[in-house]
PDB file of N, CA and C in Angstrom:
ATOM      1  N   MET A   1     119.656-192.780-139.720  1.00  0.00           N
ATOM      2  CA  MET A   1     118.444-192.126-140.153  1.00  0.00           C
ATOM      3  C   MET A   1     118.193-190.883-139.304  1.00  0.00           C
ATOM      4  N   THR A   2     117.651-189.850-139.900  1.00  0.00           N
ATOM      5  CA  THR A   2     117.360-188.628-139.160  1.00  0.00           C
ATOM      6  C   THR A   2     116.052-188.789-138.385  1.00  0.00           C
ATOM      7  N   GLU A   3     115.837-187.876-137.479  1.00  0.00           N
ATOM      8  CA  GLU A   3     114.605-187.911-136.678  1.00  0.00           C
ATOM      9  C   GLU A   3     113.374-187.797-137.573  1.00  0.00           C
ATOM     10  N   THR A   4     113.443-186.928-138.580  1.00  0.00           N
ATOM     11  CA  THR A   4     112.320-186.754-139.503  1.00  0.00           C
ATOM     12  C   THR A   4     112.091-188.022-140.328  1.00  0.00           C
ATOM     13  N   ALA A   5     113.162-188.649-140.767  1.00  0.00           N
ATOM     14  CA  ALA A   5     113.030-189.890-141.537  1.00  0.00           C
ATOM     15  C   ALA A   5     112.442-190.995-140.670  1.00  0.00           C
ATOM     16  N   ASP A   6     112.857-191.050-139.405  1.00  0.00           N
ATOM     17  CA  ASP A   6     112.285-192.032-138.479  1.00  0.00           C
ATOM     18  C   ASP A   6     110.793-191.783-138.279  1.00  0.00           C
ATOM     19  N   LEU A   7     110.446-190.516-138.113  1.00  0.00           N
ATOM     20  CA  LEU A   7     109.043-190.160-137.935  1.00  0.00           C
ATOM     21  C   LEU A   7     108.242-190.539-139.171  1.00  0.00           C
ATOM     22  N   ARG A   8     108.779-190.234-140.350  1.00  0.00           N
ATOM     23  CA  ARG A   8     108.084-190.570-141.595  1.00  0.00           C
ATOM     24  C   ARG A   8     107.855-192.073-141.686  1.00  0.00           C
ATOM     25  N   GLN A   9     108.881-192.832-141.349  1.00  0.00           N
ATOM     26  CA  GLN A   9     108.765-194.292-141.391  1.00  0.00           C
ATOM     27  C   GLN A   9     107.700-194.770-140.401  1.00  0.00           C
ATOM     28  N   SER A  10     107.660-194.171-139.235  1.00  0.00           N
ATOM     29  CA  SER A  10     106.666-194.516-138.226  1.00  0.00           C
ATOM     30  C   SER A  10     105.257-194.189-138.713  1.00  0.00           C
ATOM     31  N   LEU A  11     105.102-193.042-139.359  1.00  0.00           N
ATOM     32  CA  LEU A  11     103.795-192.656-139.891  1.00  0.00           C
ATOM     33  C   LEU A  11     103.355-193.591-141.025  1.00  0.00           C
ATOM     34  N   VAL A  12     104.280-193.974-141.870  1.00  0.00           N
ATOM     35  CA  VAL A  12     103.956-194.899-142.955  1.00  0.00           C
ATOM     36  C   VAL A  12     103.510-196.252-142.377  1.00  0.00           C
ATOM     37  N   ALA A  13     104.191-196.703-141.318  1.00  0.00           N
ATOM     38  CA  ALA A  13     103.814-197.964-140.672  1.00  0.00           C
ATOM     39  C   ALA A  13     102.419-197.857-140.059  1.00  0.00           C
ATOM     40  N   ARG A  14     102.134-196.725-139.416  1.00  0.00           N
ATOM     41  CA  ARG A  14     100.797-196.524-138.821  1.00  0.00           C
ATOM     42  C   ARG A  14      99.739-196.479-139.908  1.00  0.00           C
ATOM     43  N   LEU A  15     100.055-195.874-141.029  1.00  0.00           N
ATOM     44  CA  LEU A  15      99.129-195.805-142.149  1.00  0.00           C
ATOM     45  C   LEU A  15      98.796-197.204-142.663  1.00  0.00           C
ATOM     46  N   GLU A  16      99.800-198.049-142.750  1.00  0.00           N
ATOM     47  CA  GLU A  16      99.583-199.429-143.182  1.00  0.00           C
ATOM     48  C   GLU A  16      98.707-200.175-142.175  1.00  0.00           C
ATOM     49  N   GLU A  17      98.977-199.961-140.913  1.00  0.00           N
ATOM     50  CA  GLU A  17      98.191-200.572-139.837  1.00  0.00           C
ATOM     51  C   GLU A  17      96.723-200.151-139.939  1.00  0.00           C
ATOM     52  N   LEU A  18      96.497-198.869-140.168  1.00  0.00           N
ATOM     53  CA  LEU A  18      95.130-198.362-140.307  1.00  0.00           C
ATOM     54  C   LEU A  18      94.444-198.944-141.537  1.00  0.00           C
ATOM     55  N   GLY A  19      95.210-199.112-142.605  1.00  0.00           N
ATOM     56  CA  GLY A  19      94.651-199.716-143.811  1.00  0.00           C
ATOM     57  C   GLY A  19      94.148-201.121-143.561  1.00  0.00           C
ATOM     58  N   HIS A  20      94.923-201.902-142.806  1.00  0.00           N
ATOM     59  CA  HIS A  20      94.493-203.259-142.461  1.00  0.00           C
ATOM     60  C   HIS A  20      93.250-203.227-141.577  1.00  0.00           C
ATOM     61  N   ARG A  21      93.231-202.287-140.632  1.00  0.00           N
ATOM     62  CA  ARG A  21      92.076-202.175-139.739  1.00  0.00           C
ATOM     63  C   ARG A  21      90.812-201.841-140.525  1.00  0.00           C
ATOM     64  N   VAL A  22      90.919-200.885-141.446  1.00  0.00           N
ATOM     65  CA  VAL A  22      89.762-200.501-142.258  1.00  0.00           C
ATOM     66  C   VAL A  22      89.300-201.690-143.108  1.00  0.00           C
ATOM     67  N   ASP A  23      90.238-202.411-143.693  1.00  0.00           N
ATOM     68  CA  ASP A  23      89.875-203.597-144.488  1.00  0.00           C
ATOM     69  C   ASP A  23      89.125-204.618-143.643  1.00  0.00           C
ATOM     70  N   ASP A  24      89.613-204.864-142.422  1.00  0.00           N
ATOM     71  CA  ASP A  24      88.956-205.821-141.533  1.00  0.00           C
ATOM     72  C   ASP A  24      87.558-205.354-141.147  1.00  0.00           C
ATOM     73  N   LEU A  25      87.430-204.075-140.840  1.00  0.00           N
ATOM     74  CA  LEU A  25      86.129-203.537-140.464  1.00  0.00           C
ATOM     75  C   LEU A  25      85.146-203.603-141.630  1.00  0.00           C
ATOM     76  N   GLU A  26      85.615-203.248-142.817  1.00  0.00           N
ATOM     77  CA  GLU A  26      84.739-203.306-143.998  1.00  0.00           C
ATOM     78  C   GLU A  26      84.303-204.735-144.277  1.00  0.00           C
ATOM     79  N   SER A  27      85.208-205.675-144.098  1.00  0.00           N
ATOM     80  CA  SER A  27      84.884-207.081-144.305  1.00  0.00           C
ATOM     81  C   SER A  27      83.774-207.514-143.353  1.00  0.00           C
ATOM     82  N   GLY A  28      83.896-207.107-142.103  1.00  0.00           N
ATOM     83  CA  GLY A  28      82.861-207.445-141.120  1.00  0.00           C
ATOM     84  C   GLY A  28      81.539-206.786-141.426  1.00  0.00           C
ATOM     85  N   LEU A  29      81.571-205.578-141.963  1.00  0.00           N
ATOM     86  CA  LEU A  29      80.329-204.872-142.289  1.00  0.00           C
ATOM     87  C   LEU A  29      79.600-205.490-143.475  1.00  0.00           C
ATOM     88  N   ARG A  30      80.326-206.230-144.309  1.00  0.00           N
ATOM     89  CA  ARG A  30      79.705-206.851-145.495  1.00  0.00           C
ATOM     90  C   ARG A  30      79.078-208.212-145.190  1.00  0.00           C
ATOM     91  N   GLU A  31      79.282-208.724-143.986  1.00  0.00           N
ATOM     92  CA  GLU A  31      78.728-210.032-143.650  1.00  0.00           C
ATOM     93  C   GLU A  31      77.205-209.944-143.602  1.00  0.00           C
ATOM     94  N   PRO A  32      76.522-210.977-144.120  1.00  0.00           N
ATOM     95  CA  PRO A  32      75.048-210.961-144.118  1.00  0.00           C
ATOM     96  C   PRO A  32      74.497-211.071-142.687  1.00  0.00           C
ATOM     97  N   LEU A  33      73.299-210.543-142.517  1.00  0.00           N
ATOM     98  CA  LEU A  33      72.646-210.595-141.215  1.00  0.00           C
ATOM     99  C   LEU A  33      72.093-211.996-140.958  1.00  0.00           C
ATOM    100  N   GLU A  34      72.006-212.345-139.691  1.00  0.00           N
ATOM    101  CA  GLU A  34      71.428-213.621-139.276  1.00  0.00           C
ATOM    102  C   GLU A  34      69.929-213.612-139.552  1.00  0.00           C
ATOM    103  N   ALA A  35      69.333-214.792-139.608  1.00  0.00           N
ATOM    104  CA  ALA A  35      67.891-214.917-139.855  1.00  0.00           C
ATOM    105  C   ALA A  35      67.083-214.499-138.617  1.00  0.00           C
ATOM    106  N   ASP A  36      67.615-214.730-137.436  1.00  0.00           N
ATOM    107  CA  ASP A  36      66.934-214.414-136.190  1.00  0.00           C
ATOM    108  C   ASP A  36      66.908-212.899-135.964  1.00  0.00           C
ATOM    109  N   PHE A  37      65.696-212.359-135.699  1.00  0.00           N
ATOM    110  CA  PHE A  37      65.536-210.920-135.548  1.00  0.00           C
ATOM    111  C   PHE A  37      66.351-210.362-134.388  1.00  0.00           C
ATOM    112  N   ALA A  38      66.364-211.062-133.250  1.00  0.00           N
ATOM    113  CA  ALA A  38      67.124-210.591-132.089  1.00  0.00           C
ATOM    114  C   ALA A  38      68.622-210.553-132.407  1.00  0.00           C
ATOM    115  N   GLU A  39      69.075-211.545-133.127  1.00  0.00           N
ATOM    116  CA  GLU A  39      70.487-211.595-133.517  1.00  0.00           C
ATOM    117  C   GLU A  39      70.803-210.472-134.511  1.00  0.00           C
ATOM    118  N   GLN A  40      69.854-210.171-135.393  1.00  0.00           N
ATOM    119  CA  GLN A  40      70.035-209.069-136.346  1.00  0.00           C
ATOM    120  C   GLN A  40      70.217-207.739-135.609  1.00  0.00           C
ATOM    121  N   ALA A  41      69.435-207.540-134.563  1.00  0.00           N
ATOM    122  CA  ALA A  41      69.535-206.298-133.792  1.00  0.00           C
ATOM    123  C   ALA A  41      70.921-206.167-133.176  1.00  0.00           C
ATOM    124  N   THR A  42      71.435-207.261-132.646  1.00  0.00           N
ATOM    125  CA  THR A  42      72.778-207.251-132.066  1.00  0.00           C
ATOM    126  C   THR A  42      73.818-206.978-133.142  1.00  0.00           C
ATOM    127  N   GLN A  43      73.660-207.621-134.294  1.00  0.00           N
ATOM    128  CA  GLN A  43      74.603-207.412-135.395  1.00  0.00           C
ATOM    129  C   GLN A  43      74.572-205.966-135.878  1.00  0.00           C
ATOM    130  N   MET A  44      73.373-205.399-135.980  1.00  0.00           N
ATOM    131  CA  MET A  44      73.256-204.024-136.463  1.00  0.00           C
ATOM    132  C   MET A  44      73.902-203.047-135.477  1.00  0.00           C
ATOM    133  N   GLU A  45      73.748-203.332-134.191  1.00  0.00           N
ATOM    134  CA  GLU A  45      74.393-202.492-133.183  1.00  0.00           C
ATOM    135  C   GLU A  45      75.910-202.589-133.319  1.00  0.00           C
ATOM    136  N   GLY A  46      76.405-203.796-133.517  1.00  0.00           N
ATOM    137  CA  GLY A  46      77.839-203.997-133.729  1.00  0.00           C
ATOM    138  C   GLY A  46      78.320-203.317-135.000  1.00  0.00           C
ATOM    139  N   SER A  47      77.468-203.313-136.020  1.00  0.00           N
ATOM    140  CA  SER A  47      77.821-202.661-137.284  1.00  0.00           C
ATOM    141  C   SER A  47      77.956-201.157-137.112  1.00  0.00           C
ATOM    142  N   GLU A  48      77.109-200.572-136.262  1.00  0.00           N
ATOM    143  CA  GLU A  48      77.198-199.136-136.008  1.00  0.00           C
ATOM    144  C   GLU A  48      78.541-198.802-135.343  1.00  0.00           C
ATOM    145  N   VAL A  49      78.943-199.625-134.397  1.00  0.00           N
ATOM    146  CA  VAL A  49      80.224-199.410-133.715  1.00  0.00           C
ATOM    147  C   VAL A  49      81.369-199.579-134.714  1.00  0.00           C
ATOM    148  N   ALA A  50      81.303-200.647-135.517  1.00  0.00           N
ATOM    149  CA  ALA A  50      82.348-200.900-136.508  1.00  0.00           C
ATOM    150  C   ALA A  50      82.433-199.757-137.516  1.00  0.00           C
ATOM    151  N   SER A  51      81.291-199.240-137.911  1.00  0.00           N
ATOM    152  CA  SER A  51      81.269-198.128-138.868  1.00  0.00           C
ATOM    153  C   SER A  51      81.913-196.882-138.261  1.00  0.00           C
ATOM    154  N   ALA A  52      81.646-196.618-136.993  1.00  0.00           N
ATOM    155  CA  ALA A  52      82.258-195.463-136.321  1.00  0.00           C
ATOM    156  C   ALA A  52      83.771-195.652-136.203  1.00  0.00           C
ATOM    157  N   LEU A  53      84.206-196.861-135.876  1.00  0.00           N
ATOM    158  CA  LEU A  53      85.641-197.148-135.794  1.00  0.00           C
ATOM    159  C   LEU A  53      86.304-196.992-137.158  1.00  0.00           C
ATOM    160  N   GLU A  54      85.620-197.449-138.193  1.00  0.00           N
ATOM    161  CA  GLU A  54      86.147-197.323-139.553  1.00  0.00           C
ATOM    162  C   GLU A  54      86.302-195.848-139.921  1.00  0.00           C
ATOM    163  N   HIS A  55      85.294-195.054-139.612  1.00  0.00           N
ATOM    164  CA  HIS A  55      85.329-193.622-139.917  1.00  0.00           C
ATOM    165  C   HIS A  55      86.504-192.950-139.209  1.00  0.00           C
ATOM    166  N   THR A  56      86.711-193.285-137.937  1.00  0.00           N
ATOM    167  CA  THR A  56      87.816-192.727-137.164  1.00  0.00           C
ATOM    168  C   THR A  56      89.160-193.116-137.772  1.00  0.00           C
ATOM    169  N   ALA A  57      89.298-194.374-138.177  1.00  0.00           N
ATOM    170  CA  ALA A  57      90.548-194.845-138.782  1.00  0.00           C
ATOM    171  C   ALA A  57      90.813-194.136-140.104  1.00  0.00           C
ATOM    172  N   ILE A  58      89.781-193.928-140.892  1.00  0.00           N
ATOM    173  CA  ILE A  58      89.930-193.243-142.181  1.00  0.00           C
ATOM    174  C   ILE A  58      90.369-191.794-141.964  1.00  0.00           C
ATOM    175  N   LEU A  59      89.773-191.128-140.984  1.00  0.00           N
ATOM    176  CA  LEU A  59      90.170-189.741-140.693  1.00  0.00           C
ATOM    177  C   LEU A  59      91.617-189.664-140.237  1.00  0.00           C
ATOM    178  N   GLU A  60      92.017-190.598-139.364  1.00  0.00           N
ATOM    179  CA  GLU A  60      93.405-190.603-138.908  1.00  0.00           C
ATOM    180  C   GLU A  60      94.351-190.842-140.082  1.00  0.00           C
ATOM    181  N   ALA A  61      93.976-191.749-140.982  1.00  0.00           N
ATOM    182  CA  ALA A  61      94.804-192.026-142.159  1.00  0.00           C
ATOM    183  C   ALA A  61      94.950-190.776-143.028  1.00  0.00           C
ATOM    184  N   GLN A  62      93.884-190.021-143.186  1.00  0.00           N
ATOM    185  CA  GLN A  62      93.946-188.790-143.975  1.00  0.00           C
ATOM    186  C   GLN A  62      94.906-187.785-143.326  1.00  0.00           C
ATOM    187  N   HIS A  63      94.833-187.663-142.004  1.00  0.00           N
ATOM    188  CA  HIS A  63      95.732-186.753-141.287  1.00  0.00           C
ATOM    189  C   HIS A  63      97.189-187.201-141.438  1.00  0.00           C
ATOM    190  N   ILE A  64      97.409-188.494-141.359  1.00  0.00           N
ATOM    191  CA  ILE A  64      98.767-189.020-141.488  1.00  0.00           C
ATOM    192  C   ILE A  64      99.311-188.790-142.896  1.00  0.00           C
ATOM    193  N   LYS A  65      98.495-189.010-143.914  1.00  0.00           N
ATOM    194  CA  LYS A  65      98.932-188.767-145.293  1.00  0.00           C
ATOM    195  C   LYS A  65      99.331-187.302-145.471  1.00  0.00           C
ATOM    196  N   ALA A  66      98.546-186.406-144.887  1.00  0.00           N
ATOM    197  CA  ALA A  66      98.874-184.973-144.978  1.00  0.00           C
ATOM    198  C   ALA A  66     100.183-184.666-144.253  1.00  0.00           C
ATOM    199  N   ALA A  67     100.402-185.310-143.109  1.00  0.00           N
ATOM    200  CA  ALA A  67     101.658-185.095-142.363  1.00  0.00           C
ATOM    201  C   ALA A  67     102.851-185.593-143.174  1.00  0.00           C
ATOM    202  N   ILE A  68     102.696-186.724-143.833  1.00  0.00           N
ATOM    203  CA  ILE A  68     103.776-187.254-144.673  1.00  0.00           C
ATOM    204  C   ILE A  68     104.076-186.286-145.815  1.00  0.00           C
ATOM    205  N   LEU A  69     103.046-185.714-146.400  1.00  0.00           N
ATOM    206  CA  LEU A  69     103.259-184.718-147.463  1.00  0.00           C
ATOM    207  C   LEU A  69     104.004-183.495-146.929  1.00  0.00           C
ATOM    208  N   ARG A  70     103.673-183.063-145.695  1.00  0.00           N
ATOM    209  CA  ARG A  70     104.371-181.921-145.096  1.00  0.00           C
ATOM    210  C   ARG A  70     105.830-182.267-144.819  1.00  0.00           C
ATOM    211  N   ILE A  71     106.088-183.498-144.383  1.00  0.00           N
ATOM    212  CA  ILE A  71     107.477-183.928-144.166  1.00  0.00           C
ATOM    213  C   ILE A  71     108.234-183.855-145.482  1.00  0.00           C
ATOM    214  N   ASP A  72     107.643-184.402-146.547  1.00  0.00           N
ATOM    215  CA  ASP A  72     108.291-184.420-147.856  1.00  0.00           C
ATOM    216  C   ASP A  72     108.510-183.009-148.404  1.00  0.00           C
ATOM    217  N   ALA A  73     107.596-182.091-148.070  1.00  0.00           N
ATOM    218  CA  ALA A  73     107.702-180.713-148.555  1.00  0.00           C
ATOM    219  C   ALA A  73     108.620-179.861-147.673  1.00  0.00           C
ATOM    220  N   GLY A  74     108.994-180.395-146.524  1.00  0.00           N
ATOM    221  CA  GLY A  74     109.861-179.639-145.620  1.00  0.00           C
ATOM    222  C   GLY A  74     109.123-178.661-144.734  1.00  0.00           C
ATOM    223  N   SER A  75     107.813-178.766-144.655  1.00  0.00           N
ATOM    224  CA  SER A  75     107.041-177.832-143.830  1.00  0.00           C
ATOM    225  C   SER A  75     106.471-178.486-142.581  1.00  0.00           C
ATOM    226  N   TYR A  76     106.877-179.715-142.305  1.00  0.00           N
ATOM    227  CA  TYR A  76     106.372-180.415-141.117  1.00  0.00           C
ATOM    228  C   TYR A  76     106.824-179.677-139.867  1.00  0.00           C
ATOM    229  N   GLY A  77     105.909-179.529-138.918  1.00  0.00           N
ATOM    230  CA  GLY A  77     106.234-178.873-137.661  1.00  0.00           C
ATOM    231  C   GLY A  77     105.989-177.385-137.663  1.00  0.00           C
ATOM    232  N   GLU A  78     105.514-176.848-138.777  1.00  0.00           N
ATOM    233  CA  GLU A  78     105.170-175.429-138.856  1.00  0.00           C
ATOM    234  C   GLU A  78     103.663-175.277-138.728  1.00  0.00           C
ATOM    235  N   CYS A  79     103.232-174.318-137.937  1.00  0.00           N
ATOM    236  CA  CYS A  79     101.809-174.057-137.759  1.00  0.00           C
ATOM    237  C   CYS A  79     101.202-173.578-139.075  1.00  0.00           C
ATOM    238  N   ALA A  80     100.098-174.189-139.456  1.00  0.00           N
ATOM    239  CA  ALA A  80      99.429-173.820-140.707  1.00  0.00           C
ATOM    240  C   ALA A  80      98.778-172.447-140.636  1.00  0.00           C
ATOM    241  N   LYS A  81      98.510-171.960-139.424  1.00  0.00           N
ATOM    242  CA  LYS A  81      97.859-170.653-139.289  1.00  0.00           C
ATOM    243  C   LYS A  81      98.858-169.513-139.153  1.00  0.00           C
ATOM    244  N   CYS A  82      99.807-169.647-138.204  1.00  0.00           N
ATOM    245  CA  CYS A  82     100.703-168.519-137.926  1.00  0.00           C
ATOM    246  C   CYS A  82     102.121-168.722-138.461  1.00  0.00           C
ATOM    247  N   GLY A  83     102.464-169.940-138.841  1.00  0.00           N
ATOM    248  CA  GLY A  83     103.791-170.217-139.380  1.00  0.00           C
ATOM    249  C   GLY A  83     104.875-170.458-138.344  1.00  0.00           C
ATOM    250  N   ASN A  84     104.532-170.296-137.076  1.00  0.00           N
ATOM    251  CA  ASN A  84     105.500-170.552-136.007  1.00  0.00           C
ATOM    252  C   ASN A  84     105.699-172.064-135.837  1.00  0.00           C
ATOM    253  N   PRO A  85     106.806-172.443-135.224  1.00  0.00           N
ATOM    254  CA  PRO A  85     107.034-173.876-134.992  1.00  0.00           C
ATOM    255  C   PRO A  85     106.010-174.453-134.013  1.00  0.00           C
ATOM    256  N   ILE A  86     105.612-175.687-134.277  1.00  0.00           N
ATOM    257  CA  ILE A  86     104.743-176.418-133.356  1.00  0.00           C
ATOM    258  C   ILE A  86     105.654-177.068-132.322  1.00  0.00           C
ATOM    259  N   ASN A  87     105.288-176.950-131.063  1.00  0.00           N
ATOM    260  CA  ASN A  87     106.079-177.509-129.981  1.00  0.00           C
ATOM    261  C   ASN A  87     106.339-179.002-130.242  1.00  0.00           C
ATOM    262  N   PRO A  88     107.604-179.432-130.182  1.00  0.00           N
ATOM    263  CA  PRO A  88     107.928-180.841-130.421  1.00  0.00           C
ATOM    264  C   PRO A  88     107.180-181.805-129.496  1.00  0.00           C
ATOM    265  N   GLU A  89     106.887-181.360-128.269  1.00  0.00           N
ATOM    266  CA  GLU A  89     106.125-182.212-127.348  1.00  0.00           C
ATOM    267  C   GLU A  89     104.711-182.448-127.875  1.00  0.00           C
ATOM    268  N   ARG A  90     104.131-181.419-128.471  1.00  0.00           N
ATOM    269  CA  ARG A  90     102.788-181.555-129.076  1.00  0.00           C
ATOM    270  C   ARG A  90     102.854-182.545-130.229  1.00  0.00           C
ATOM    271  N   LEU A  91     103.908-182.458-131.032  1.00  0.00           N
ATOM    272  CA  LEU A  91     104.044-183.364-132.171  1.00  0.00           C
ATOM    273  C   LEU A  91     104.304-184.805-131.736  1.00  0.00           C
ATOM    274  N   LYS A  92     104.917-184.985-130.577  1.00  0.00           N
ATOM    275  CA  LYS A  92     105.111-186.347-130.069  1.00  0.00           C
ATOM    276  C   LYS A  92     103.769-186.984-129.729  1.00  0.00           C
ATOM    277  N   VAL A  93     102.872-186.176-129.165  1.00  0.00           N
ATOM    278  CA  VAL A  93     101.556-186.675-128.773  1.00  0.00           C
ATOM    279  C   VAL A  93     100.642-186.803-129.986  1.00  0.00           C
ATOM    280  N   LEU A  94     100.696-185.831-130.866  1.00  0.00           N
ATOM    281  CA  LEU A  94      99.832-185.782-132.047  1.00  0.00           C
ATOM    282  C   LEU A  94     100.700-185.479-133.270  1.00  0.00           C
ATOM    283  N   PRO A  95     101.344-186.508-133.841  1.00  0.00           N
ATOM    284  CA  PRO A  95     102.338-186.277-134.895  1.00  0.00           C
ATOM    285  C   PRO A  95     101.782-185.633-136.176  1.00  0.00           C
ATOM    286  N   TYR A  96     100.479-185.601-136.310  1.00  0.00           N
ATOM    287  CA  TYR A  96      99.913-184.970-137.503  1.00  0.00           C
ATOM    288  C   TYR A  96      99.257-183.626-137.180  1.00  0.00           C
ATOM    289  N   ALA A  97      99.641-183.037-136.033  1.00  0.00           N
ATOM    290  CA  ALA A  97      99.112-181.719-135.668  1.00  0.00           C
ATOM    291  C   ALA A  97      99.513-180.693-136.740  1.00  0.00           C
ATOM    292  N   THR A  98      98.585-179.807-137.061  1.00  0.00           N
ATOM    293  CA  THR A  98      98.862-178.793-138.083  1.00  0.00           C
ATOM    294  C   THR A  98      98.941-177.388-137.488  1.00  0.00           C
ATOM    295  N   GLU A  99      98.591-177.273-136.197  1.00  0.00           N
ATOM    296  CA  GLU A  99      98.580-175.958-135.565  1.00  0.00           C
ATOM    297  C   GLU A  99      99.327-175.996-134.238  1.00  0.00           C
ATOM    298  N   CYS A 100      99.929-174.866-133.908  1.00  0.00           N
ATOM    299  CA  CYS A 100     100.561-174.734-132.598  1.00  0.00           C
ATOM    300  C   CYS A 100      99.455-174.684-131.545  1.00  0.00           C
ATOM    301  N   VAL A 101      99.834-174.785-130.290  1.00  0.00           N
ATOM    302  CA  VAL A 101      98.853-174.810-129.207  1.00  0.00           C
ATOM    303  C   VAL A 101      98.013-173.529-129.190  1.00  0.00           C
ATOM    304  N   ASN A 102      98.666-172.388-129.407  1.00  0.00           N
ATOM    305  CA  ASN A 102      97.939-171.102-129.373  1.00  0.00           C
ATOM    306  C   ASN A 102      96.876-171.027-130.467  1.00  0.00           C
ATOM    307  N   CYS A 103      97.215-171.427-131.682  1.00  0.00           N
ATOM    308  CA  CYS A 103      96.258-171.354-132.786  1.00  0.00           C
ATOM    309  C   CYS A 103      95.176-172.426-132.657  1.00  0.00           C
ATOM    310  N   ALA A 104      95.534-173.589-132.111  1.00  0.00           N
ATOM    311  CA  ALA A 104      94.547-174.653-131.936  1.00  0.00           C
ATOM    312  C   ALA A 104      93.515-174.305-130.878  1.00  0.00           C
ATOM    313  N   ALA A 105      93.929-173.452-129.921  1.00  0.00           N
ATOM    314  CA  ALA A 105      92.990-173.040-128.850  1.00  0.00           C
ATOM    315  C   ALA A 105      92.027-172.039-129.411  1.00  0.00           C
TER     316      ALA A 105
END
């Protein structure tokens, strides 16, 4: 397998992982509140955290889907602003980066 194919496979696996996480978070958010008011307050606080985690996972999934599309189109690793190559080290840290370091700054 090529490096790009390995990366694509890794991104697809991460996307699946995020999908499971979002499903679990949504399931927890649908649970009814307890009858006790103090317990409800704790649950609502937990729901806010779960909702923020869900939002973050959804955003990451969107970025990953876009990166997979760029891989399939042959434009992965090119800066969306200037067209120059994105440093491979940057892509290792943030595989769905769309801009080189200069344009991102």
